[in-house]
Amino acid sequence: MPLLLIVLFAACTENAEQKTDETKGELLSTDLVNNPNSAQGTDTAIISELPTMDFTDTVHNFGNINEGEKATFDFEFANNGKSPLIISDAKGSCGCTVADFPRDPIAPGNTGKIKVVFNSDGKPGHQEKSVSITTNTNRSVHMLYFKGDVKADPNKAH
């Protein structure tokens, strides 16, 4: 039995090494990630060096659209911090909402856009949706919101 465990452990370790080698060129440097929170408390010096994600606007009203149309909006932001901003994920509150975000780090002083697309197909009536953005800022998660009214398609049964 102990020999079997050693073989399994070796196989798992070998697989992990292969996966790391295959993705080497796609990973960001760990120097870009710096967590100011630890068991000893919060390091305020690190917090002052973190990136920021400062949006021009976090709420958008797309107004009135017809069912089946796609409402699109670019939420603009700036990194006014002192280190590169990394966006690791952006998720819509439902499957009808998709967010496209920059995959490369945003340098201090630079700007970027989060493109949000809402597909109104099958969504008649008043709509309020959100997008959560995961970053390496002190705040960690940023929220974007949009709302509007979708006029029902008379040819569809609801």
N, C-alpha and C. Protein backbone atom coordinates (compact mmCIF):
# COMPACT_ATOMS: atom_id res chain seq x y z
N MET A 1 0.82 -1.21 0.00
CA MET A 1 0.00 0.00 0.00
C MET A 1 0.86 1.26 0.00
N PRO A 2 1.93 1.38 0.86
CA PRO A 2 2.75 2.59 0.85
C PRO A 2 3.39 2.84 -0.52
N LEU A 3 3.76 1.76 -1.23
CA LEU A 3 4.36 1.92 -2.55
C LEU A 3 3.37 2.54 -3.53
N LEU A 4 2.10 2.15 -3.43
CA LEU A 4 1.06 2.70 -4.28
C LEU A 4 0.90 4.20 -4.03
N LEU A 5 0.92 4.63 -2.79
CA LEU A 5 0.80 6.05 -2.46
C LEU A 5 1.97 6.86 -3.02
N ILE A 6 3.15 6.31 -2.95
CA ILE A 6 4.33 6.99 -3.48
C ILE A 6 4.22 7.15 -4.99
N VAL A 7 3.77 6.10 -5.67
CA VAL A 7 3.60 6.15 -7.13
C VAL A 7 2.55 7.19 -7.50
N LEU A 8 1.42 7.21 -6.79
CA LEU A 8 0.37 8.19 -7.07
C LEU A 8 0.86 9.61 -6.82
N PHE A 9 1.57 9.81 -5.73
CA PHE A 9 2.09 11.14 -5.42
C PHE A 9 3.07 11.59 -6.49
N ALA A 10 3.93 10.70 -6.93
CA ALA A 10 4.90 11.05 -7.97
C ALA A 10 4.19 11.39 -9.27
N ALA A 11 3.14 10.66 -9.59
CA ALA A 11 2.39 10.94 -10.82
C ALA A 11 1.72 12.30 -10.76
N CYS A 12 1.16 12.64 -9.59
CA CYS A 12 0.52 13.96 -9.44
C CYS A 12 1.54 15.07 -9.53
N THR A 13 2.70 14.89 -8.93
CA THR A 13 3.74 15.90 -8.97
C THR A 13 4.23 16.10 -10.39
N GLU A 14 4.41 15.00 -11.13
CA GLU A 14 4.87 15.09 -12.52
C GLU A 14 3.86 15.85 -13.38
N ASN A 15 2.57 15.57 -13.20
CA ASN A 15 1.53 16.27 -13.95
C ASN A 15 1.55 17.76 -13.66
N ALA A 16 1.70 18.14 -12.41
CA ALA A 16 1.72 19.55 -12.03
C ALA A 16 2.89 20.26 -12.69
N GLU A 17 4.05 19.60 -12.71
CA GLU A 17 5.22 20.21 -13.33
C GLU A 17 5.01 20.41 -14.82
N GLN A 18 4.38 19.44 -15.49
CA GLN A 18 4.13 19.56 -16.92
C GLN A 18 3.18 20.71 -17.21
N LYS A 19 2.13 20.85 -16.42
CA LYS A 19 1.17 21.92 -16.64
C LYS A 19 1.84 23.28 -16.46
N THR A 20 2.71 23.39 -15.47
CA THR A 20 3.41 24.64 -15.24
C THR A 20 4.32 24.95 -16.43
N ASP A 21 5.04 23.94 -16.92
CA ASP A 21 5.95 24.15 -18.05
C ASP A 21 5.18 24.56 -19.31
N GLU A 22 4.01 23.98 -19.53
CA GLU A 22 3.23 24.28 -20.73
C GLU A 22 2.71 25.72 -20.73
N THR A 23 2.46 26.28 -19.57
CA THR A 23 1.85 27.62 -19.50
C THR A 23 2.85 28.69 -19.08
N LYS A 24 4.13 28.37 -19.03
CA LYS A 24 5.12 29.33 -18.54
C LYS A 24 5.00 30.70 -19.19
N GLY A 25 4.84 30.76 -20.49
CA GLY A 25 4.80 32.04 -21.19
C GLY A 25 3.53 32.82 -20.95
N GLU A 26 2.49 32.21 -20.37
CA GLU A 26 1.20 32.87 -20.21
C GLU A 26 0.98 33.43 -18.81
N LEU A 27 1.83 33.14 -17.86
CA LEU A 27 1.63 33.58 -16.49
C LEU A 27 2.23 34.95 -16.25
N LEU A 28 1.59 35.72 -15.38
CA LEU A 28 2.12 37.01 -14.99
C LEU A 28 3.15 36.81 -13.88
N SER A 29 4.06 37.73 -13.77
CA SER A 29 5.08 37.66 -12.74
C SER A 29 4.44 37.80 -11.36
N THR A 30 4.90 37.00 -10.41
CA THR A 30 4.37 37.11 -9.05
C THR A 30 4.80 38.41 -8.38
N ASP A 31 5.76 39.11 -8.95
CA ASP A 31 6.16 40.41 -8.41
C ASP A 31 5.03 41.43 -8.52
N LEU A 32 4.07 41.20 -9.42
CA LEU A 32 2.96 42.12 -9.61
C LEU A 32 1.87 41.94 -8.56
N VAL A 33 1.90 40.82 -7.83
CA VAL A 33 0.87 40.54 -6.83
C VAL A 33 1.50 40.72 -5.45
N ASN A 34 0.91 41.60 -4.66
CA ASN A 34 1.46 41.89 -3.34
C ASN A 34 0.30 42.08 -2.38
N ASN A 35 0.06 41.13 -1.49
CA ASN A 35 -1.05 41.18 -0.56
C ASN A 35 -0.62 41.90 0.72
N PRO A 36 -1.26 43.03 1.05
CA PRO A 36 -0.88 43.78 2.24
C PRO A 36 -1.41 43.17 3.54
N ASN A 37 -2.29 42.19 3.45
CA ASN A 37 -2.89 41.59 4.64
C ASN A 37 -2.19 40.28 4.99
N SER A 38 -1.83 40.16 6.26
CA SER A 38 -1.19 38.94 6.73
C SER A 38 -1.65 38.67 8.16
N ALA A 39 -1.13 37.62 8.76
CA ALA A 39 -1.48 37.28 10.14
C ALA A 39 -1.02 38.38 11.10
N GLN A 40 -0.01 39.14 10.72
CA GLN A 40 0.50 40.21 11.57
C GLN A 40 -0.30 41.51 11.43
N GLY A 41 -1.24 41.56 10.51
CA GLY A 41 -2.04 42.77 10.30
C GLY A 41 -1.90 43.27 8.88
N THR A 42 -2.21 44.54 8.68
CA THR A 42 -2.16 45.16 7.36
C THR A 42 -0.92 46.03 7.25
N ASP A 43 -0.18 45.85 6.16
CA ASP A 43 1.03 46.64 5.89
C ASP A 43 0.61 47.88 5.10
N THR A 44 0.52 49.03 5.78
CA THR A 44 0.06 50.26 5.13
C THR A 44 1.03 50.76 4.07
N ALA A 45 2.30 50.42 4.18
CA ALA A 45 3.27 50.82 3.16
C ALA A 45 2.95 50.14 1.83
N ILE A 46 2.55 48.88 1.91
CA ILE A 46 2.19 48.16 0.68
C ILE A 46 0.91 48.74 0.08
N ILE A 47 -0.06 49.07 0.93
CA ILE A 47 -1.33 49.63 0.44
C ILE A 47 -1.09 50.90 -0.36
N SER A 48 -0.18 51.75 0.09
CA SER A 48 0.07 53.00 -0.62
C SER A 48 0.74 52.77 -1.99
N GLU A 49 1.29 51.59 -2.21
CA GLU A 49 1.96 51.26 -3.47
C GLU A 49 1.05 50.50 -4.45
N LEU A 50 -0.16 50.12 -4.01
CA LEU A 50 -1.05 49.33 -4.85
C LEU A 50 -1.64 50.14 -6.00
N PRO A 51 -2.09 49.44 -7.04
CA PRO A 51 -2.78 50.14 -8.14
C PRO A 51 -4.19 50.55 -7.69
N THR A 52 -4.83 51.38 -8.49
CA THR A 52 -6.23 51.74 -8.26
C THR A 52 -7.00 51.44 -9.53
N MET A 53 -8.31 51.42 -9.40
CA MET A 53 -9.18 51.27 -10.55
C MET A 53 -10.27 52.31 -10.38
N ASP A 54 -10.03 53.49 -10.95
CA ASP A 54 -10.92 54.64 -10.78
C ASP A 54 -11.76 54.80 -12.03
N PHE A 55 -13.07 54.55 -11.89
CA PHE A 55 -13.99 54.62 -13.03
C PHE A 55 -14.53 56.02 -13.24
N THR A 56 -14.75 56.37 -14.51
CA THR A 56 -15.42 57.62 -14.87
C THR A 56 -16.86 57.54 -14.39
N ASP A 57 -17.49 56.37 -14.56
CA ASP A 57 -18.87 56.14 -14.15
C ASP A 57 -19.03 54.65 -13.89
N THR A 58 -19.77 54.28 -12.84
CA THR A 58 -19.99 52.86 -12.55
C THR A 58 -21.43 52.43 -12.80
N VAL A 59 -22.27 53.36 -13.24
CA VAL A 59 -23.67 53.04 -13.54
C VAL A 59 -24.00 53.59 -14.93
N HIS A 60 -24.68 52.76 -15.74
CA HIS A 60 -25.09 53.21 -17.07
C HIS A 60 -26.54 52.82 -17.30
N ASN A 61 -27.33 53.76 -17.81
CA ASN A 61 -28.72 53.50 -18.17
C ASN A 61 -28.77 53.39 -19.69
N PHE A 62 -29.05 52.19 -20.21
CA PHE A 62 -29.10 52.03 -21.66
C PHE A 62 -30.45 52.45 -22.24
N GLY A 63 -31.38 52.87 -21.39
CA GLY A 63 -32.65 53.40 -21.88
C GLY A 63 -33.58 52.32 -22.36
N ASN A 64 -34.27 52.60 -23.46
CA ASN A 64 -35.24 51.67 -24.03
C ASN A 64 -34.66 50.97 -25.25
N ILE A 65 -34.78 49.64 -25.28
CA ILE A 65 -34.35 48.86 -26.45
C ILE A 65 -35.43 47.83 -26.74
N ASN A 66 -35.39 47.28 -27.93
CA ASN A 66 -36.32 46.22 -28.32
C ASN A 66 -35.73 44.87 -27.95
N GLU A 67 -36.60 43.95 -27.56
CA GLU A 67 -36.16 42.61 -27.21
C GLU A 67 -35.38 42.01 -28.38
N GLY A 68 -34.25 41.41 -28.07
CA GLY A 68 -33.40 40.82 -29.09
C GLY A 68 -32.19 41.68 -29.42
N GLU A 69 -32.26 42.98 -29.09
CA GLU A 69 -31.12 43.87 -29.32
C GLU A 69 -30.07 43.66 -28.24
N LYS A 70 -28.85 44.03 -28.57
CA LYS A 70 -27.76 43.98 -27.60
C LYS A 70 -27.36 45.40 -27.24
N ALA A 71 -27.37 45.67 -25.95
CA ALA A 71 -26.93 46.98 -25.45
C ALA A 71 -25.47 46.85 -25.05
N THR A 72 -24.64 47.77 -25.54
CA THR A 72 -23.20 47.73 -25.28
C THR A 72 -22.75 49.05 -24.67
N PHE A 73 -21.84 48.97 -23.69
CA PHE A 73 -21.30 50.18 -23.08
C PHE A 73 -19.88 49.92 -22.63
N ASP A 74 -19.00 50.92 -22.83
CA ASP A 74 -17.62 50.84 -22.38
C ASP A 74 -17.46 51.64 -21.09
N PHE A 75 -17.17 50.95 -19.99
CA PHE A 75 -16.88 51.61 -18.72
C PHE A 75 -15.38 51.94 -18.72
N GLU A 76 -15.06 53.23 -18.65
CA GLU A 76 -13.66 53.67 -18.70
C GLU A 76 -13.11 53.81 -17.29
N PHE A 77 -11.84 53.45 -17.13
CA PHE A 77 -11.18 53.55 -15.82
C PHE A 77 -9.73 53.99 -16.00
N ALA A 78 -9.15 54.42 -14.88
CA ALA A 78 -7.74 54.80 -14.86
C ALA A 78 -7.05 54.11 -13.69
N ASN A 79 -5.79 53.79 -13.87
CA ASN A 79 -4.96 53.30 -12.78
C ASN A 79 -4.18 54.49 -12.25
N ASN A 80 -4.66 55.09 -11.16
CA ASN A 80 -3.99 56.23 -10.55
C ASN A 80 -3.08 55.80 -9.40
N GLY A 81 -2.81 54.50 -9.32
CA GLY A 81 -1.95 53.97 -8.27
C GLY A 81 -0.49 53.99 -8.66
N LYS A 82 0.32 53.26 -7.90
CA LYS A 82 1.76 53.28 -8.10
C LYS A 82 2.34 51.97 -8.65
N SER A 83 1.47 51.02 -8.97
CA SER A 83 1.94 49.75 -9.54
C SER A 83 0.94 49.27 -10.59
N PRO A 84 1.34 48.29 -11.42
CA PRO A 84 0.45 47.81 -12.50
C PRO A 84 -0.85 47.21 -11.96
N LEU A 85 -1.95 47.54 -12.64
CA LEU A 85 -3.27 47.03 -12.31
C LEU A 85 -3.49 45.74 -13.09
N ILE A 86 -3.88 44.68 -12.39
CA ILE A 86 -4.17 43.40 -13.02
C ILE A 86 -5.64 43.08 -12.79
N ILE A 87 -6.36 42.85 -13.89
CA ILE A 87 -7.76 42.42 -13.81
C ILE A 87 -7.75 40.92 -14.06
N SER A 88 -8.15 40.16 -13.07
CA SER A 88 -8.10 38.70 -13.22
C SER A 88 -9.42 38.10 -13.67
N ASP A 89 -10.53 38.84 -13.50
CA ASP A 89 -11.82 38.30 -13.90
C ASP A 89 -12.87 39.40 -13.96
N ALA A 90 -13.88 39.20 -14.79
CA ALA A 90 -15.05 40.09 -14.86
C ALA A 90 -16.24 39.21 -15.19
N LYS A 91 -17.21 39.17 -14.26
CA LYS A 91 -18.37 38.28 -14.43
C LYS A 91 -19.67 39.06 -14.37
N GLY A 92 -20.55 38.76 -15.31
CA GLY A 92 -21.88 39.34 -15.31
C GLY A 92 -22.77 38.65 -14.30
N SER A 93 -23.82 39.35 -13.88
CA SER A 93 -24.74 38.79 -12.89
C SER A 93 -25.61 37.68 -13.46
N CYS A 94 -25.65 37.55 -14.78
CA CYS A 94 -26.39 36.45 -15.41
C CYS A 94 -25.75 36.13 -16.76
N GLY A 95 -26.21 35.08 -17.41
CA GLY A 95 -25.64 34.67 -18.69
C GLY A 95 -25.89 35.64 -19.82
N CYS A 96 -26.82 36.57 -19.63
CA CYS A 96 -27.15 37.54 -20.68
C CYS A 96 -26.17 38.72 -20.68
N THR A 97 -25.27 38.76 -19.71
CA THR A 97 -24.33 39.87 -19.57
C THR A 97 -22.90 39.36 -19.69
N VAL A 98 -22.16 39.93 -20.64
CA VAL A 98 -20.78 39.51 -20.87
C VAL A 98 -19.88 40.74 -20.76
N ALA A 99 -18.75 40.58 -20.09
CA ALA A 99 -17.79 41.67 -19.95
C ALA A 99 -16.46 41.28 -20.58
N ASP A 100 -15.93 42.17 -21.38
CA ASP A 100 -14.62 41.98 -21.99
C ASP A 100 -13.67 42.96 -21.33
N PHE A 101 -12.54 42.47 -20.83
CA PHE A 101 -11.62 43.31 -20.07
C PHE A 101 -10.18 43.14 -20.56
N PRO A 102 -9.33 44.12 -20.29
CA PRO A 102 -7.92 44.02 -20.70
C PRO A 102 -7.24 42.86 -19.98
N ARG A 103 -6.52 42.04 -20.72
CA ARG A 103 -5.82 40.89 -20.13
C ARG A 103 -4.40 41.26 -19.69
N ASP A 104 -3.84 42.34 -20.23
CA ASP A 104 -2.49 42.76 -19.87
C ASP A 104 -2.55 43.76 -18.72
N PRO A 105 -1.50 43.81 -17.89
CA PRO A 105 -1.48 44.78 -16.79
C PRO A 105 -1.59 46.22 -17.32
N ILE A 106 -2.30 47.07 -16.57
CA ILE A 106 -2.46 48.49 -16.91
C ILE A 106 -1.45 49.26 -16.05
N ALA A 107 -0.49 49.91 -16.69
CA ALA A 107 0.57 50.63 -15.98
C ALA A 107 0.01 51.83 -15.22
N PRO A 108 0.68 52.26 -14.16
CA PRO A 108 0.25 53.46 -13.44
C PRO A 108 0.14 54.65 -14.40
N GLY A 109 -0.96 55.40 -14.26
CA GLY A 109 -1.19 56.56 -15.12
C GLY A 109 -1.92 56.24 -16.41
N ASN A 110 -2.08 54.96 -16.73
CA ASN A 110 -2.76 54.57 -17.97
C ASN A 110 -4.24 54.30 -17.72
N THR A 111 -4.97 54.20 -18.83
CA THR A 111 -6.41 53.99 -18.76
C THR A 111 -6.80 52.70 -19.49
N GLY A 112 -8.02 52.27 -19.28
CA GLY A 112 -8.53 51.09 -19.96
C GLY A 112 -10.04 51.13 -20.01
N LYS A 113 -10.63 50.10 -20.62
CA LYS A 113 -12.08 50.01 -20.75
C LYS A 113 -12.55 48.59 -20.45
N ILE A 114 -13.70 48.51 -19.82
CA ILE A 114 -14.40 47.24 -19.64
C ILE A 114 -15.63 47.33 -20.55
N LYS A 115 -15.68 46.50 -21.58
CA LYS A 115 -16.81 46.51 -22.50
C LYS A 115 -17.86 45.53 -21.99
N VAL A 116 -19.06 46.05 -21.72
CA VAL A 116 -20.15 45.22 -21.22
C VAL A 116 -21.23 45.11 -22.29
N VAL A 117 -21.67 43.88 -22.56
CA VAL A 117 -22.72 43.64 -23.55
C VAL A 117 -23.86 42.90 -22.86
N PHE A 118 -25.07 43.48 -22.98
CA PHE A 118 -26.28 42.87 -22.46
C PHE A 118 -27.12 42.38 -23.62
N ASN A 119 -27.43 41.08 -23.66
CA ASN A 119 -28.26 40.49 -24.69
C ASN A 119 -29.69 40.44 -24.17
N SER A 120 -30.58 41.23 -24.77
CA SER A 120 -31.95 41.36 -24.28
C SER A 120 -32.89 40.26 -24.76
N ASP A 121 -32.39 39.31 -25.54
CA ASP A 121 -33.25 38.24 -26.06
C ASP A 121 -33.86 37.45 -24.90
N GLY A 122 -35.19 37.40 -24.83
CA GLY A 122 -35.88 36.68 -23.77
C GLY A 122 -35.91 37.43 -22.45
N LYS A 123 -35.61 38.73 -22.46
CA LYS A 123 -35.54 39.52 -21.23
C LYS A 123 -36.43 40.76 -21.31
N PRO A 124 -37.73 40.61 -21.59
CA PRO A 124 -38.58 41.80 -21.66
C PRO A 124 -38.79 42.42 -20.27
N GLY A 125 -39.04 43.73 -20.27
CA GLY A 125 -39.33 44.43 -19.02
C GLY A 125 -38.12 45.21 -18.51
N HIS A 126 -38.26 45.72 -17.29
CA HIS A 126 -37.18 46.50 -16.68
C HIS A 126 -36.03 45.57 -16.30
N GLN A 127 -34.81 45.96 -16.61
CA GLN A 127 -33.63 45.14 -16.33
C GLN A 127 -32.61 45.93 -15.53
N GLU A 128 -32.03 45.29 -14.53
CA GLU A 128 -30.92 45.84 -13.76
C GLU A 128 -29.90 44.73 -13.59
N LYS A 129 -28.71 44.92 -14.15
CA LYS A 129 -27.67 43.90 -14.14
C LYS A 129 -26.39 44.49 -13.57
N SER A 130 -25.46 43.60 -13.20
CA SER A 130 -24.19 44.05 -12.66
C SER A 130 -23.05 43.20 -13.19
N VAL A 131 -21.85 43.75 -13.05
CA VAL A 131 -20.63 43.03 -13.41
C VAL A 131 -19.66 43.20 -12.25
N SER A 132 -19.11 42.09 -11.76
CA SER A 132 -18.10 42.16 -10.70
C SER A 132 -16.72 41.95 -11.33
N ILE A 133 -15.80 42.82 -10.95
CA ILE A 133 -14.45 42.81 -11.52
C ILE A 133 -13.45 42.52 -10.41
N THR A 134 -12.67 41.47 -10.58
CA THR A 134 -11.67 41.08 -9.60
C THR A 134 -10.31 41.62 -10.01
N THR A 135 -9.65 42.34 -9.10
CA THR A 135 -8.38 43.01 -9.41
C THR A 135 -7.38 42.83 -8.27
N ASN A 136 -6.19 43.38 -8.47
CA ASN A 136 -5.16 43.37 -7.43
C ASN A 136 -5.10 44.71 -6.69
N THR A 137 -6.21 45.45 -6.67
CA THR A 137 -6.28 46.71 -5.91
C THR A 137 -6.59 46.41 -4.45
N ASN A 138 -6.51 47.42 -3.61
CA ASN A 138 -6.83 47.25 -2.20
C ASN A 138 -8.29 46.84 -2.03
N ARG A 139 -9.16 47.37 -2.87
CA ARG A 139 -10.58 47.06 -2.81
C ARG A 139 -10.87 45.64 -3.31
N SER A 140 -10.07 45.11 -4.17
CA SER A 140 -10.15 43.76 -4.73
C SER A 140 -11.29 43.55 -5.73
N VAL A 141 -12.54 43.80 -5.34
CA VAL A 141 -13.67 43.60 -6.25
C VAL A 141 -14.36 44.94 -6.49
N HIS A 142 -14.54 45.27 -7.76
CA HIS A 142 -15.24 46.50 -8.17
C HIS A 142 -16.53 46.09 -8.86
N MET A 143 -17.58 46.88 -8.69
CA MET A 143 -18.88 46.57 -9.27
C MET A 143 -19.28 47.63 -10.29
N LEU A 144 -19.83 47.17 -11.41
CA LEU A 144 -20.41 48.03 -12.44
C LEU A 144 -21.88 47.66 -12.58
N TYR A 145 -22.72 48.67 -12.85
CA TYR A 145 -24.16 48.43 -12.93
C TYR A 145 -24.72 49.07 -14.20
N PHE A 146 -25.75 48.42 -14.77
CA PHE A 146 -26.48 49.05 -15.86
C PHE A 146 -27.93 48.63 -15.77
N LYS A 147 -28.76 49.49 -16.32
CA LYS A 147 -30.19 49.25 -16.27
C LYS A 147 -30.85 49.79 -17.52
N GLY A 148 -32.09 49.40 -17.72
CA GLY A 148 -32.85 49.87 -18.86
C GLY A 148 -34.13 49.08 -18.99
N ASP A 149 -34.87 49.41 -20.03
CA ASP A 149 -36.16 48.76 -20.27
C ASP A 149 -36.16 48.10 -21.64
N VAL A 150 -36.60 46.84 -21.66
CA VAL A 150 -36.64 46.06 -22.89
C VAL A 150 -38.09 45.91 -23.31
N LYS A 151 -38.41 46.43 -24.49
CA LYS A 151 -39.76 46.31 -25.04
C LYS A 151 -39.94 44.90 -25.59
N ALA A 152 -40.97 44.21 -25.12
CA ALA A 152 -41.20 42.82 -25.51
C ALA A 152 -41.46 42.70 -27.00
N ASP A 153 -40.94 41.63 -27.58
CA ASP A 153 -41.19 41.32 -28.99
C ASP A 153 -42.58 40.73 -29.08
N PRO A 154 -43.51 41.35 -29.81
CA PRO A 154 -44.89 40.85 -29.88
C PRO A 154 -45.01 39.48 -30.57
N ASN A 155 -43.98 39.08 -31.30
CA ASN A 155 -44.02 37.80 -32.01
C ASN A 155 -43.55 36.63 -31.15
N LYS A 156 -43.11 36.92 -29.92
CA LYS A 156 -42.63 35.86 -29.03
C LYS A 156 -43.63 35.63 -27.91
N ALA A 157 -43.80 34.36 -27.55
CA ALA A 157 -44.67 34.03 -26.43
C ALA A 157 -43.84 34.17 -25.15
N HIS A 158 -44.36 34.91 -24.20
CA HIS A 158 -43.61 35.11 -22.93
C HIS A 158 -44.30 34.45 -21.80
